[in-house]
């Protein structure tokens, strides 16, 4: 799984679900899953309250069966890289939330 694949997928789950629209993707053939966006948005909003990265990741990956398909296609190293990328976006999101609250 390349950086662009990780970024496209993680951005779809975290950023696009919050914004409510599809942001730019690196892979022009990327097909977003809009059906799960409302559920992902709920999980990310709950993350604002508990700030538990592992819990958020587990909840995001338990929605639908997309993660099951990812597990079948990717190596453990690729899956770890994806998880770290999601956590990075979670961290960016929580830091921006903190900054907006402090202002």
N, C-alpha and C. Protein backbone atom coordinates (compact mmCIF):
# COMPACT_ATOMS: atom_id res chain seq x y z
N UNK A 1 0.86 -1.17 0.00
CA UNK A 1 0.00 0.00 0.00
C UNK A 1 0.90 1.23 0.00
N UNK A 2 0.74 2.05 -0.97
CA UNK A 2 1.57 3.23 -1.10
C UNK A 2 1.05 4.38 -0.24
N UNK A 3 1.88 5.40 -0.11
CA UNK A 3 1.47 6.58 0.63
C UNK A 3 0.18 7.16 0.06
N UNK A 4 0.08 7.22 -1.27
CA UNK A 4 -1.10 7.82 -1.88
C UNK A 4 -2.36 7.01 -1.58
N UNK A 5 -2.24 5.68 -1.58
CA UNK A 5 -3.40 4.84 -1.23
C UNK A 5 -3.82 5.09 0.22
N UNK A 6 -2.83 5.12 1.12
CA UNK A 6 -3.12 5.39 2.53
C UNK A 6 -3.79 6.75 2.70
N UNK A 7 -3.22 7.74 2.03
CA UNK A 7 -3.75 9.10 2.17
C UNK A 7 -5.16 9.21 1.60
N UNK A 8 -5.39 8.64 0.43
CA UNK A 8 -6.72 8.70 -0.16
C UNK A 8 -7.77 8.04 0.74
N UNK A 9 -7.45 6.87 1.25
CA UNK A 9 -8.39 6.13 2.08
C UNK A 9 -8.60 6.83 3.44
N UNK A 10 -7.52 7.21 4.08
CA UNK A 10 -7.62 7.86 5.39
C UNK A 10 -8.32 9.22 5.29
N UNK A 11 -8.02 9.96 4.22
CA UNK A 11 -8.67 11.26 4.02
C UNK A 11 -10.16 11.09 3.78
N UNK A 12 -10.53 10.06 3.02
CA UNK A 12 -11.95 9.79 2.79
C UNK A 12 -12.66 9.53 4.13
N UNK A 13 -12.03 8.75 4.98
CA UNK A 13 -12.66 8.35 6.24
C UNK A 13 -12.74 9.51 7.23
N UNK A 14 -11.66 10.25 7.40
CA UNK A 14 -11.60 11.29 8.42
C UNK A 14 -12.07 12.64 7.88
N UNK A 15 -11.41 13.15 6.88
CA UNK A 15 -11.64 14.52 6.40
C UNK A 15 -12.95 14.65 5.62
N UNK A 16 -13.12 13.79 4.62
CA UNK A 16 -14.31 13.90 3.77
C UNK A 16 -15.60 13.70 4.56
N UNK A 17 -15.56 12.78 5.54
CA UNK A 17 -16.78 12.55 6.32
C UNK A 17 -17.15 13.78 7.15
N UNK A 18 -16.16 14.51 7.64
CA UNK A 18 -16.44 15.72 8.42
C UNK A 18 -16.88 16.86 7.51
N UNK A 19 -16.17 17.07 6.39
CA UNK A 19 -16.51 18.16 5.48
C UNK A 19 -17.81 17.92 4.72
N UNK A 20 -18.14 16.65 4.49
CA UNK A 20 -19.37 16.34 3.75
C UNK A 20 -19.20 16.36 2.24
N UNK A 21 -17.96 16.41 1.77
CA UNK A 21 -17.71 16.32 0.33
C UNK A 21 -16.37 15.63 0.11
N UNK A 22 -16.14 15.20 -1.12
CA UNK A 22 -14.92 14.49 -1.45
C UNK A 22 -13.80 15.49 -1.75
N UNK A 23 -12.73 15.40 -0.99
CA UNK A 23 -11.57 16.25 -1.22
C UNK A 23 -10.69 15.62 -2.30
N UNK A 24 -9.68 16.35 -2.71
CA UNK A 24 -8.77 15.89 -3.77
C UNK A 24 -8.11 14.57 -3.37
N UNK A 25 -8.05 13.66 -4.31
CA UNK A 25 -7.38 12.38 -4.11
C UNK A 25 -6.19 12.28 -5.05
N UNK A 26 -5.15 11.58 -4.60
CA UNK A 26 -3.95 11.42 -5.41
C UNK A 26 -4.17 10.46 -6.58
N UNK A 27 -4.96 9.41 -6.34
CA UNK A 27 -5.25 8.43 -7.38
C UNK A 27 -6.51 8.87 -8.12
N UNK A 28 -6.39 9.14 -9.40
CA UNK A 28 -7.55 9.64 -10.15
C UNK A 28 -8.64 8.57 -10.30
N UNK A 29 -8.30 7.32 -10.04
CA UNK A 29 -9.29 6.23 -10.13
C UNK A 29 -9.92 5.89 -8.78
N UNK A 30 -9.56 6.64 -7.75
CA UNK A 30 -10.09 6.37 -6.41
C UNK A 30 -11.60 6.56 -6.40
N UNK A 31 -12.30 5.59 -5.84
CA UNK A 31 -13.76 5.66 -5.76
C UNK A 31 -14.17 5.74 -4.30
N UNK A 32 -14.63 6.91 -3.87
CA UNK A 32 -14.98 7.08 -2.45
C UNK A 32 -16.23 6.29 -2.07
N UNK A 33 -16.30 5.91 -0.82
CA UNK A 33 -17.45 5.21 -0.27
C UNK A 33 -18.29 6.24 0.49
N UNK A 34 -19.21 6.85 -0.19
CA UNK A 34 -20.04 7.90 0.44
C UNK A 34 -21.10 7.31 1.36
N UNK A 35 -21.43 6.07 1.15
CA UNK A 35 -22.48 5.42 1.94
C UNK A 35 -22.12 5.35 3.43
N UNK A 36 -20.85 5.16 3.73
CA UNK A 36 -20.42 5.02 5.12
C UNK A 36 -20.02 6.34 5.78
N UNK A 37 -19.96 7.41 5.01
CA UNK A 37 -19.50 8.71 5.52
C UNK A 37 -20.26 9.18 6.76
N UNK A 38 -21.59 9.08 6.81
CA UNK A 38 -22.28 9.54 8.03
C UNK A 38 -21.86 8.78 9.28
N UNK A 39 -21.62 7.48 9.14
CA UNK A 39 -21.20 6.69 10.30
C UNK A 39 -19.77 7.04 10.71
N UNK A 40 -18.89 7.23 9.72
CA UNK A 40 -17.52 7.65 10.02
C UNK A 40 -17.53 9.02 10.70
N UNK A 41 -18.38 9.92 10.22
CA UNK A 41 -18.45 11.25 10.81
C UNK A 41 -18.83 11.17 12.30
N UNK A 42 -19.77 10.32 12.62
CA UNK A 42 -20.19 10.14 14.01
C UNK A 42 -19.02 9.68 14.87
N UNK A 43 -18.26 8.72 14.37
CA UNK A 43 -17.10 8.21 15.12
C UNK A 43 -16.06 9.32 15.33
N UNK A 44 -15.79 10.09 14.29
CA UNK A 44 -14.80 11.17 14.40
C UNK A 44 -15.29 12.24 15.37
N UNK A 45 -16.56 12.55 15.35
CA UNK A 45 -17.11 13.52 16.30
C UNK A 45 -17.01 13.01 17.73
N UNK A 46 -17.23 11.71 17.93
CA UNK A 46 -17.08 11.12 19.27
C UNK A 46 -15.62 11.16 19.72
N UNK A 47 -14.72 11.02 18.75
CA UNK A 47 -13.29 11.09 19.04
C UNK A 47 -12.94 12.44 19.67
N UNK A 48 -13.63 13.50 19.28
CA UNK A 48 -13.38 14.82 19.86
C UNK A 48 -13.56 14.80 21.37
N UNK A 49 -14.46 13.97 21.84
CA UNK A 49 -14.75 13.93 23.28
C UNK A 49 -13.80 13.00 24.04
N UNK A 50 -13.49 11.83 23.46
CA UNK A 50 -12.68 10.87 24.22
C UNK A 50 -11.19 10.87 23.86
N UNK A 51 -10.82 11.34 22.67
CA UNK A 51 -9.43 11.43 22.21
C UNK A 51 -8.63 10.13 22.39
N UNK A 52 -9.32 9.02 22.24
CA UNK A 52 -8.69 7.69 22.32
C UNK A 52 -8.45 7.22 20.89
N UNK A 53 -7.19 7.32 20.43
CA UNK A 53 -6.85 7.02 19.04
C UNK A 53 -7.16 5.58 18.66
N UNK A 54 -6.81 4.65 19.52
CA UNK A 54 -7.03 3.23 19.23
C UNK A 54 -8.53 2.92 19.14
N UNK A 55 -9.28 3.46 20.06
CA UNK A 55 -10.74 3.25 20.04
C UNK A 55 -11.34 3.82 18.75
N UNK A 56 -10.92 5.00 18.37
CA UNK A 56 -11.42 5.63 17.15
C UNK A 56 -11.08 4.77 15.93
N UNK A 57 -9.84 4.33 15.84
CA UNK A 57 -9.44 3.49 14.71
C UNK A 57 -10.27 2.21 14.66
N UNK A 58 -10.43 1.57 15.80
CA UNK A 58 -11.21 0.32 15.84
C UNK A 58 -12.66 0.56 15.44
N UNK A 59 -13.23 1.66 15.89
CA UNK A 59 -14.62 1.96 15.53
C UNK A 59 -14.74 2.29 14.04
N UNK A 60 -13.80 3.04 13.51
CA UNK A 60 -13.82 3.37 12.07
C UNK A 60 -13.71 2.11 11.22
N UNK A 61 -12.84 1.21 11.61
CA UNK A 61 -12.61 0.00 10.81
C UNK A 61 -13.68 -1.06 11.01
N UNK A 62 -14.53 -0.90 12.01
CA UNK A 62 -15.60 -1.88 12.21
C UNK A 62 -16.87 -1.52 11.44
N UNK A 63 -16.91 -0.36 10.83
CA UNK A 63 -18.08 0.08 10.06
C UNK A 63 -18.00 -0.51 8.66
N UNK A 64 -19.03 -1.23 8.27
CA UNK A 64 -19.04 -1.85 6.94
C UNK A 64 -18.03 -2.97 6.85
N UNK A 65 -17.77 -3.44 5.63
CA UNK A 65 -16.82 -4.54 5.45
C UNK A 65 -15.59 -4.13 4.65
N UNK A 66 -15.38 -2.84 4.44
CA UNK A 66 -14.24 -2.37 3.66
C UNK A 66 -12.91 -2.78 4.27
N UNK A 67 -12.82 -2.78 5.60
CA UNK A 67 -11.57 -3.13 6.26
C UNK A 67 -11.27 -4.62 6.11
N UNK A 68 -12.29 -5.45 6.10
CA UNK A 68 -12.09 -6.88 5.86
C UNK A 68 -11.44 -7.12 4.51
N UNK A 69 -11.89 -6.40 3.50
CA UNK A 69 -11.30 -6.52 2.16
C UNK A 69 -9.86 -6.02 2.16
N UNK A 70 -9.60 -4.97 2.89
CA UNK A 70 -8.25 -4.43 2.99
C UNK A 70 -7.31 -5.45 3.65
N UNK A 71 -7.80 -6.13 4.68
CA UNK A 71 -7.00 -7.14 5.37
C UNK A 71 -6.59 -8.27 4.45
N UNK A 72 -7.46 -8.61 3.50
CA UNK A 72 -7.17 -9.70 2.58
C UNK A 72 -6.13 -9.32 1.53
N UNK A 73 -6.05 -8.04 1.19
CA UNK A 73 -5.20 -7.59 0.08
C UNK A 73 -3.84 -7.04 0.51
N UNK A 74 -3.66 -6.73 1.76
CA UNK A 74 -2.46 -6.01 2.19
C UNK A 74 -1.63 -6.83 3.17
N UNK A 75 -0.34 -6.58 3.16
CA UNK A 75 0.57 -7.25 4.09
C UNK A 75 0.46 -6.59 5.47
N UNK A 76 0.95 -7.27 6.51
CA UNK A 76 0.93 -6.65 7.84
C UNK A 76 1.66 -5.31 7.88
N UNK A 77 2.76 -5.19 7.16
CA UNK A 77 3.49 -3.93 7.12
C UNK A 77 2.65 -2.83 6.49
N UNK A 78 1.96 -3.15 5.40
CA UNK A 78 1.09 -2.18 4.74
C UNK A 78 -0.07 -1.77 5.63
N UNK A 79 -0.62 -2.72 6.37
CA UNK A 79 -1.74 -2.41 7.28
C UNK A 79 -1.28 -1.52 8.43
N UNK A 80 -0.08 -1.76 8.93
CA UNK A 80 0.47 -0.92 9.99
C UNK A 80 0.68 0.51 9.48
N UNK A 81 1.18 0.63 8.26
CA UNK A 81 1.38 1.96 7.68
C UNK A 81 0.05 2.69 7.52
N UNK A 82 -0.99 1.96 7.11
CA UNK A 82 -2.32 2.57 6.98
C UNK A 82 -2.84 3.04 8.34
N UNK A 83 -2.68 2.19 9.34
CA UNK A 83 -3.15 2.55 10.69
C UNK A 83 -2.43 3.79 11.20
N UNK A 84 -1.14 3.88 10.99
CA UNK A 84 -0.38 5.05 11.41
C UNK A 84 -0.83 6.30 10.67
N UNK A 85 -1.18 6.15 9.41
CA UNK A 85 -1.65 7.30 8.63
C UNK A 85 -2.99 7.80 9.17
N UNK A 86 -3.89 6.87 9.50
CA UNK A 86 -5.18 7.26 10.08
C UNK A 86 -4.95 7.97 11.40
N UNK A 87 -4.07 7.44 12.23
CA UNK A 87 -3.79 8.07 13.52
C UNK A 87 -3.19 9.47 13.34
N UNK A 88 -2.38 9.65 12.30
CA UNK A 88 -1.82 10.98 12.02
C UNK A 88 -2.94 11.96 11.70
N UNK A 89 -3.90 11.54 10.89
CA UNK A 89 -5.02 12.43 10.58
C UNK A 89 -5.88 12.68 11.82
N UNK A 90 -6.05 11.66 12.66
CA UNK A 90 -6.78 11.85 13.91
C UNK A 90 -6.06 12.89 14.77
N UNK A 91 -4.75 12.78 14.84
CA UNK A 91 -3.96 13.72 15.63
C UNK A 91 -4.08 15.13 15.07
N UNK A 92 -3.96 15.26 13.74
CA UNK A 92 -4.13 16.58 13.11
C UNK A 92 -5.50 17.15 13.45
N UNK A 93 -6.50 16.30 13.39
CA UNK A 93 -7.87 16.73 13.66
C UNK A 93 -8.03 17.18 15.11
N UNK A 94 -7.48 16.39 16.05
CA UNK A 94 -7.61 16.75 17.46
C UNK A 94 -6.82 18.02 17.79
N UNK A 95 -5.66 18.21 17.15
CA UNK A 95 -4.87 19.42 17.38
C UNK A 95 -5.59 20.66 16.85
N UNK A 96 -6.22 20.54 15.70
CA UNK A 96 -6.97 21.69 15.16
C UNK A 96 -8.16 22.00 16.05
N UNK A 97 -8.79 20.97 16.58
CA UNK A 97 -9.92 21.18 17.48
C UNK A 97 -9.44 21.95 18.71
N UNK A 98 -8.31 21.54 19.27
CA UNK A 98 -7.77 22.19 20.45
C UNK A 98 -7.45 23.66 20.14
N UNK A 99 -6.84 23.91 19.01
CA UNK A 99 -6.51 25.28 18.65
C UNK A 99 -7.75 26.14 18.46
N UNK A 100 -8.80 25.57 17.89
CA UNK A 100 -10.02 26.35 17.68
C UNK A 100 -10.72 26.64 18.99
N UNK A 101 -10.60 25.73 19.97
CA UNK A 101 -11.23 25.94 21.27
C UNK A 101 -10.45 26.99 22.06
N UNK A 102 -9.13 27.00 21.94
CA UNK A 102 -8.29 27.94 22.69
C UNK A 102 -8.45 29.37 22.20
N UNK A 103 -8.80 29.59 20.97
CA UNK A 103 -8.88 30.94 20.43
C UNK A 103 -9.98 31.70 21.02
